[in-house]
């Protein structure tokens, strides 16, 4: 996970809060020592969204957990032959900009099943 943290611009000792109703992120975060997992005042927040209906609630909860101005990372499933989610990078980019006043400023692969989109406040 440390390699992913580096790509996310997370430095050792930073605080991270996350929302993960399905336990996907917990598997990545529980056995690392680089960051401190917290419930609020986080330097970085990340949340798992499996469909467009999850986005609004997830973003509002992440905003409560972060320090003002901290980046928000949304983790979302990649499309496959058998999985056709109703979200992707382009949909999230437009939706979060219009509805939440956030602009995408980064995109990474978490693994072969999930991608991540970094969002920041529109200033």
N, C-alpha and C. Protein backbone atom coordinates (compact mmCIF):
# COMPACT_ATOMS: atom_id res chain seq x y z
N UNK A 1 0.82 -1.20 0.00
CA UNK A 1 0.00 0.00 0.00
C UNK A 1 0.86 1.26 0.00
N UNK A 2 2.07 1.16 0.50
CA UNK A 2 2.93 2.35 0.54
C UNK A 2 3.19 2.91 -0.85
N UNK A 3 3.29 2.05 -1.87
CA UNK A 3 3.49 2.53 -3.24
C UNK A 3 2.28 3.33 -3.71
N UNK A 4 1.09 2.89 -3.36
CA UNK A 4 -0.13 3.63 -3.70
C UNK A 4 -0.16 4.96 -2.94
N UNK A 5 0.21 4.93 -1.66
CA UNK A 5 0.24 6.17 -0.88
C UNK A 5 1.16 7.20 -1.52
N UNK A 6 2.30 6.75 -2.00
CA UNK A 6 3.25 7.67 -2.64
C UNK A 6 2.60 8.31 -3.87
N UNK A 7 1.91 7.53 -4.68
CA UNK A 7 1.23 8.06 -5.86
C UNK A 7 0.10 9.00 -5.47
N UNK A 8 -0.47 8.80 -4.28
CA UNK A 8 -1.54 9.65 -3.78
C UNK A 8 -0.99 10.92 -3.12
N UNK A 9 0.32 11.06 -3.07
CA UNK A 9 1.00 12.19 -2.41
C UNK A 9 0.76 12.18 -0.90
N UNK A 10 0.69 10.99 -0.32
CA UNK A 10 0.55 10.83 1.12
C UNK A 10 1.92 10.57 1.69
N UNK A 11 2.25 11.32 2.73
CA UNK A 11 3.56 11.18 3.38
C UNK A 11 3.39 10.47 4.71
N UNK A 12 4.46 9.85 5.16
CA UNK A 12 4.47 9.15 6.43
C UNK A 12 4.00 10.07 7.55
N UNK A 13 3.13 9.55 8.39
CA UNK A 13 2.62 10.31 9.51
C UNK A 13 1.34 11.07 9.24
N UNK A 14 0.91 11.13 7.99
CA UNK A 14 -0.34 11.81 7.69
C UNK A 14 -1.51 11.02 8.26
N UNK A 15 -2.62 11.70 8.43
CA UNK A 15 -3.84 11.09 8.96
C UNK A 15 -4.83 10.86 7.82
N UNK A 16 -5.41 9.66 7.81
CA UNK A 16 -6.36 9.29 6.77
C UNK A 16 -7.65 8.78 7.40
N UNK A 17 -8.78 9.25 6.89
CA UNK A 17 -10.09 8.73 7.28
C UNK A 17 -10.73 8.12 6.04
N UNK A 18 -11.55 7.11 6.25
CA UNK A 18 -12.16 6.46 5.10
C UNK A 18 -13.57 5.98 5.41
N UNK A 19 -14.32 5.78 4.35
CA UNK A 19 -15.66 5.21 4.41
C UNK A 19 -15.65 3.98 3.51
N UNK A 20 -16.06 2.87 4.09
CA UNK A 20 -15.91 1.59 3.38
C UNK A 20 -16.97 0.62 3.85
N UNK A 21 -18.19 0.79 3.37
CA UNK A 21 -19.28 -0.06 3.85
C UNK A 21 -19.14 -1.51 3.44
N UNK A 22 -18.31 -1.80 2.43
CA UNK A 22 -18.18 -3.18 1.95
C UNK A 22 -16.87 -3.87 2.34
N UNK A 23 -16.02 -3.19 3.11
CA UNK A 23 -14.78 -3.80 3.59
C UNK A 23 -13.66 -3.90 2.57
N UNK A 24 -13.79 -3.28 1.42
CA UNK A 24 -12.76 -3.35 0.39
C UNK A 24 -11.52 -2.56 0.81
N UNK A 25 -11.71 -1.33 1.25
CA UNK A 25 -10.57 -0.48 1.61
C UNK A 25 -9.88 -0.96 2.87
N UNK A 26 -10.63 -1.48 3.80
CA UNK A 26 -10.06 -1.95 5.05
C UNK A 26 -8.94 -2.97 4.81
N UNK A 27 -9.11 -3.84 3.84
CA UNK A 27 -8.09 -4.84 3.53
C UNK A 27 -6.78 -4.19 3.11
N UNK A 28 -6.84 -3.03 2.46
CA UNK A 28 -5.63 -2.34 2.05
C UNK A 28 -5.01 -1.54 3.19
N UNK A 29 -5.83 -1.03 4.07
CA UNK A 29 -5.36 -0.07 5.06
C UNK A 29 -4.97 -0.67 6.41
N UNK A 30 -5.49 -1.83 6.76
CA UNK A 30 -5.32 -2.32 8.12
C UNK A 30 -3.90 -2.77 8.47
N UNK A 31 -3.11 -3.22 7.52
CA UNK A 31 -1.77 -3.75 7.84
C UNK A 31 -0.64 -2.85 7.35
N UNK A 32 -0.83 -1.58 7.42
CA UNK A 32 0.22 -0.65 7.02
C UNK A 32 0.58 0.21 8.24
N UNK A 33 1.76 0.78 8.21
CA UNK A 33 2.21 1.59 9.34
C UNK A 33 2.58 3.01 8.93
N UNK A 34 2.38 3.35 7.68
CA UNK A 34 2.81 4.65 7.18
C UNK A 34 1.92 5.80 7.62
N UNK A 35 0.63 5.55 7.74
CA UNK A 35 -0.32 6.60 8.09
C UNK A 35 -1.09 6.22 9.35
N UNK A 36 -1.71 7.22 9.92
CA UNK A 36 -2.58 7.01 11.07
C UNK A 36 -4.03 7.06 10.60
N UNK A 37 -4.79 6.05 10.93
CA UNK A 37 -6.21 6.03 10.57
C UNK A 37 -6.99 6.76 11.65
N UNK A 38 -7.81 7.73 11.24
CA UNK A 38 -8.56 8.56 12.17
C UNK A 38 -10.02 8.64 11.71
N UNK A 39 -10.85 9.20 12.57
CA UNK A 39 -12.27 9.38 12.24
C UNK A 39 -12.59 10.80 11.81
N UNK A 40 -11.73 11.77 12.17
CA UNK A 40 -11.99 13.16 11.79
C UNK A 40 -10.67 13.93 11.73
N UNK A 41 -10.73 15.14 11.17
CA UNK A 41 -9.55 16.00 11.00
C UNK A 41 -8.44 15.31 10.21
N UNK A 42 -8.83 14.59 9.17
CA UNK A 42 -7.87 13.83 8.37
C UNK A 42 -7.21 14.72 7.32
N UNK A 43 -5.95 14.42 7.05
CA UNK A 43 -5.21 15.09 5.98
C UNK A 43 -5.72 14.64 4.61
N UNK A 44 -6.15 13.39 4.54
CA UNK A 44 -6.66 12.79 3.31
C UNK A 44 -7.85 11.92 3.68
N UNK A 45 -8.87 11.94 2.82
CA UNK A 45 -10.02 11.06 3.03
C UNK A 45 -10.27 10.26 1.77
N UNK A 46 -10.78 9.06 1.95
CA UNK A 46 -11.12 8.23 0.80
C UNK A 46 -12.38 7.44 1.10
N UNK A 47 -13.16 7.22 0.06
CA UNK A 47 -14.40 6.48 0.24
C UNK A 47 -14.69 5.61 -0.96
N UNK A 48 -15.29 4.48 -0.69
CA UNK A 48 -15.67 3.52 -1.72
C UNK A 48 -17.10 3.82 -2.18
N UNK A 49 -17.26 3.97 -3.48
CA UNK A 49 -18.58 4.13 -4.09
C UNK A 49 -18.74 3.05 -5.15
N UNK A 50 -19.83 2.32 -5.07
CA UNK A 50 -20.06 1.23 -6.02
C UNK A 50 -21.02 1.61 -7.13
N UNK A 51 -21.79 2.68 -6.90
CA UNK A 51 -22.71 3.17 -7.92
C UNK A 51 -22.93 4.66 -7.71
N UNK A 52 -23.55 5.30 -8.66
CA UNK A 52 -23.78 6.73 -8.60
C UNK A 52 -24.64 7.11 -7.39
N UNK A 53 -25.52 6.23 -6.98
CA UNK A 53 -26.38 6.53 -5.83
C UNK A 53 -25.59 6.62 -4.52
N UNK A 54 -24.39 6.07 -4.47
CA UNK A 54 -23.55 6.13 -3.27
C UNK A 54 -22.77 7.44 -3.15
N UNK A 55 -22.62 8.17 -4.24
CA UNK A 55 -21.67 9.29 -4.31
C UNK A 55 -22.03 10.43 -3.36
N UNK A 56 -23.28 10.88 -3.39
CA UNK A 56 -23.65 12.05 -2.58
C UNK A 56 -23.40 11.82 -1.09
N UNK A 57 -23.91 10.73 -0.57
CA UNK A 57 -23.74 10.43 0.84
C UNK A 57 -22.27 10.27 1.20
N UNK A 58 -21.52 9.58 0.38
CA UNK A 58 -20.11 9.34 0.65
C UNK A 58 -19.34 10.66 0.70
N UNK A 59 -19.57 11.53 -0.26
CA UNK A 59 -18.85 12.81 -0.28
C UNK A 59 -19.21 13.66 0.93
N UNK A 60 -20.47 13.72 1.29
CA UNK A 60 -20.87 14.52 2.45
C UNK A 60 -20.23 13.99 3.73
N UNK A 61 -20.18 12.68 3.89
CA UNK A 61 -19.53 12.09 5.07
C UNK A 61 -18.02 12.35 5.06
N UNK A 62 -17.39 12.24 3.89
CA UNK A 62 -15.96 12.49 3.80
C UNK A 62 -15.63 13.94 4.11
N UNK A 63 -16.46 14.86 3.69
CA UNK A 63 -16.23 16.27 3.99
C UNK A 63 -16.22 16.53 5.49
N UNK A 64 -17.04 15.77 6.23
CA UNK A 64 -17.07 15.91 7.69
C UNK A 64 -15.83 15.34 8.36
N UNK A 65 -15.17 14.40 7.71
CA UNK A 65 -14.01 13.73 8.28
C UNK A 65 -12.68 14.42 7.97
N UNK A 66 -12.66 15.31 7.00
CA UNK A 66 -11.40 15.89 6.55
C UNK A 66 -11.12 17.25 7.16
N UNK A 67 -9.85 17.61 7.12
CA UNK A 67 -9.48 18.98 7.40
C UNK A 67 -9.96 19.81 6.21
N UNK A 68 -10.32 21.04 6.45
CA UNK A 68 -10.82 21.90 5.37
C UNK A 68 -9.78 21.97 4.25
N UNK A 69 -10.24 21.70 3.04
CA UNK A 69 -9.36 21.77 1.88
C UNK A 69 -8.60 20.50 1.55
N UNK A 70 -8.70 19.48 2.39
CA UNK A 70 -8.00 18.22 2.12
C UNK A 70 -8.60 17.52 0.91
N UNK A 71 -7.76 16.77 0.22
CA UNK A 71 -8.22 16.01 -0.94
C UNK A 71 -9.18 14.91 -0.54
N UNK A 72 -10.09 14.63 -1.46
CA UNK A 72 -11.04 13.53 -1.33
C UNK A 72 -10.70 12.52 -2.44
N UNK A 73 -10.53 11.26 -2.06
CA UNK A 73 -10.32 10.20 -3.05
C UNK A 73 -11.57 9.33 -3.08
N UNK A 74 -12.17 9.19 -4.25
CA UNK A 74 -13.28 8.26 -4.43
C UNK A 74 -12.75 7.01 -5.13
N UNK A 75 -12.99 5.88 -4.52
CA UNK A 75 -12.60 4.58 -5.08
C UNK A 75 -13.85 3.99 -5.72
N UNK A 76 -13.71 3.56 -6.97
CA UNK A 76 -14.87 3.05 -7.70
C UNK A 76 -14.46 1.83 -8.53
N UNK A 77 -15.42 0.93 -8.80
CA UNK A 77 -15.09 -0.29 -9.54
C UNK A 77 -14.82 -0.01 -11.02
N UNK A 78 -13.86 -0.75 -11.55
CA UNK A 78 -13.59 -0.69 -12.98
C UNK A 78 -14.62 -1.56 -13.71
N UNK A 79 -14.94 -1.17 -14.91
CA UNK A 79 -15.84 -1.98 -15.73
C UNK A 79 -15.09 -3.21 -16.23
N UNK A 80 -15.79 -4.34 -16.25
CA UNK A 80 -15.24 -5.58 -16.77
C UNK A 80 -16.28 -6.21 -17.69
N UNK A 81 -15.97 -7.36 -18.21
CA UNK A 81 -16.94 -8.06 -19.06
C UNK A 81 -18.21 -8.41 -18.30
N UNK A 82 -18.07 -8.73 -17.01
CA UNK A 82 -19.23 -9.13 -16.22
C UNK A 82 -19.77 -8.00 -15.34
N UNK A 83 -18.96 -7.01 -15.01
CA UNK A 83 -19.38 -5.91 -14.14
C UNK A 83 -19.47 -4.63 -14.95
N UNK A 84 -20.65 -4.05 -14.96
CA UNK A 84 -20.89 -2.81 -15.71
C UNK A 84 -21.42 -1.75 -14.74
N UNK A 85 -20.53 -1.13 -13.94
CA UNK A 85 -21.01 -0.11 -13.00
C UNK A 85 -21.55 1.11 -13.74
N UNK A 86 -22.41 1.87 -13.06
CA UNK A 86 -22.98 3.07 -13.67
C UNK A 86 -22.10 4.30 -13.43
N UNK A 87 -20.87 4.08 -12.96
CA UNK A 87 -19.92 5.18 -12.74
C UNK A 87 -18.58 4.84 -13.38
N UNK A 88 -17.91 5.89 -13.77
CA UNK A 88 -16.53 5.78 -14.25
C UNK A 88 -15.88 7.14 -14.03
N UNK A 89 -14.67 7.31 -14.45
CA UNK A 89 -13.93 8.55 -14.23
C UNK A 89 -14.68 9.75 -14.79
N UNK A 90 -15.14 9.65 -16.02
CA UNK A 90 -15.78 10.78 -16.67
C UNK A 90 -17.11 11.14 -16.02
N UNK A 91 -17.89 10.15 -15.65
CA UNK A 91 -19.16 10.41 -14.97
C UNK A 91 -18.91 11.07 -13.62
N UNK A 92 -17.95 10.53 -12.84
CA UNK A 92 -17.64 11.13 -11.54
C UNK A 92 -17.09 12.54 -11.68
N UNK A 93 -16.26 12.76 -12.69
CA UNK A 93 -15.69 14.09 -12.92
C UNK A 93 -16.81 15.11 -13.09
N UNK A 94 -17.74 14.85 -13.98
CA UNK A 94 -18.82 15.80 -14.26
C UNK A 94 -19.78 15.92 -13.08
N UNK A 95 -20.14 14.80 -12.49
CA UNK A 95 -21.12 14.79 -11.40
C UNK A 95 -20.61 15.54 -10.18
N UNK A 96 -19.39 15.27 -9.76
CA UNK A 96 -18.87 15.91 -8.55
C UNK A 96 -18.61 17.40 -8.76
N UNK A 97 -18.28 17.77 -9.98
CA UNK A 97 -18.07 19.19 -10.27
C UNK A 97 -19.40 19.94 -10.20
N UNK A 98 -20.42 19.41 -10.84
CA UNK A 98 -21.72 20.07 -10.88
C UNK A 98 -22.43 20.06 -9.53
N UNK A 99 -22.43 18.93 -8.87
CA UNK A 99 -23.24 18.77 -7.66
C UNK A 99 -22.51 19.12 -6.37
N UNK A 100 -21.20 18.93 -6.32
CA UNK A 100 -20.47 19.09 -5.05
C UNK A 100 -19.38 20.15 -5.09
N UNK A 101 -19.25 20.85 -6.20
CA UNK A 101 -18.23 21.90 -6.33
C UNK A 101 -16.83 21.36 -6.06
N UNK A 102 -16.58 20.16 -6.58
CA UNK A 102 -15.26 19.53 -6.49
C UNK A 102 -14.75 19.30 -7.90
N UNK A 103 -13.46 19.43 -8.08
CA UNK A 103 -12.88 19.20 -9.40
C UNK A 103 -11.87 18.06 -9.30
N UNK A 104 -11.90 17.19 -10.27
CA UNK A 104 -10.97 16.06 -10.30
C UNK A 104 -9.58 16.57 -10.67
N UNK A 105 -8.58 16.11 -9.94
CA UNK A 105 -7.21 16.51 -10.24
C UNK A 105 -6.24 15.34 -10.12
N UNK A 106 -6.73 14.13 -10.30
CA UNK A 106 -5.87 12.95 -10.30
C UNK A 106 -6.69 11.68 -10.45
N UNK A 107 -6.07 10.67 -11.04
CA UNK A 107 -6.73 9.39 -11.24
C UNK A 107 -5.67 8.29 -11.16
N UNK A 108 -5.93 7.28 -10.34
CA UNK A 108 -5.00 6.16 -10.16
C UNK A 108 -5.74 4.84 -10.16
N UNK A 109 -5.03 3.79 -10.44
CA UNK A 109 -5.57 2.43 -10.25
C UNK A 109 -5.19 1.97 -8.86
N UNK A 110 -6.16 1.55 -8.09
CA UNK A 110 -5.88 0.95 -6.78
C UNK A 110 -5.37 -0.47 -6.99
N UNK A 111 -6.03 -1.19 -7.88
CA UNK A 111 -5.64 -2.55 -8.25
C UNK A 111 -6.34 -2.89 -9.56
N UNK A 112 -6.42 -4.16 -9.90
CA UNK A 112 -7.05 -4.53 -11.17
C UNK A 112 -8.57 -4.39 -11.15
N UNK A 113 -9.16 -4.21 -9.97
CA UNK A 113 -10.61 -4.10 -9.86
C UNK A 113 -11.15 -2.70 -9.58
N UNK A 114 -10.29 -1.84 -9.01
CA UNK A 114 -10.76 -0.52 -8.58
C UNK A 114 -9.83 0.59 -9.05
N UNK A 115 -10.44 1.73 -9.39
CA UNK A 115 -9.71 2.96 -9.69
C UNK A 115 -10.05 3.98 -8.63
N UNK A 116 -9.27 5.05 -8.60
CA UNK A 116 -9.49 6.12 -7.62
C UNK A 116 -9.42 7.47 -8.34
N UNK A 117 -10.29 8.37 -7.95
CA UNK A 117 -10.32 9.71 -8.49
C UNK A 117 -10.08 10.70 -7.35
N UNK A 118 -9.07 11.56 -7.52
CA UNK A 118 -8.77 12.58 -6.50
C UNK A 118 -9.55 13.84 -6.83
N UNK A 119 -10.20 14.38 -5.82
CA UNK A 119 -11.02 15.58 -5.97
C UNK A 119 -10.56 16.66 -5.00
N UNK A 120 -10.65 17.91 -5.44
CA UNK A 120 -10.35 19.03 -4.56
C UNK A 120 -11.46 20.07 -4.71
N UNK A 121 -11.56 20.93 -3.72
CA UNK A 121 -12.57 21.99 -3.75
C UNK A 121 -12.29 22.93 -4.91
N UNK A 122 -13.36 23.37 -5.57
CA UNK A 122 -13.23 24.40 -6.59
C UNK A 122 -13.07 25.72 -5.84
N UNK A 123 -12.06 26.45 -6.19
CA UNK A 123 -11.80 27.69 -5.44
C UNK A 123 -12.34 28.88 -6.14
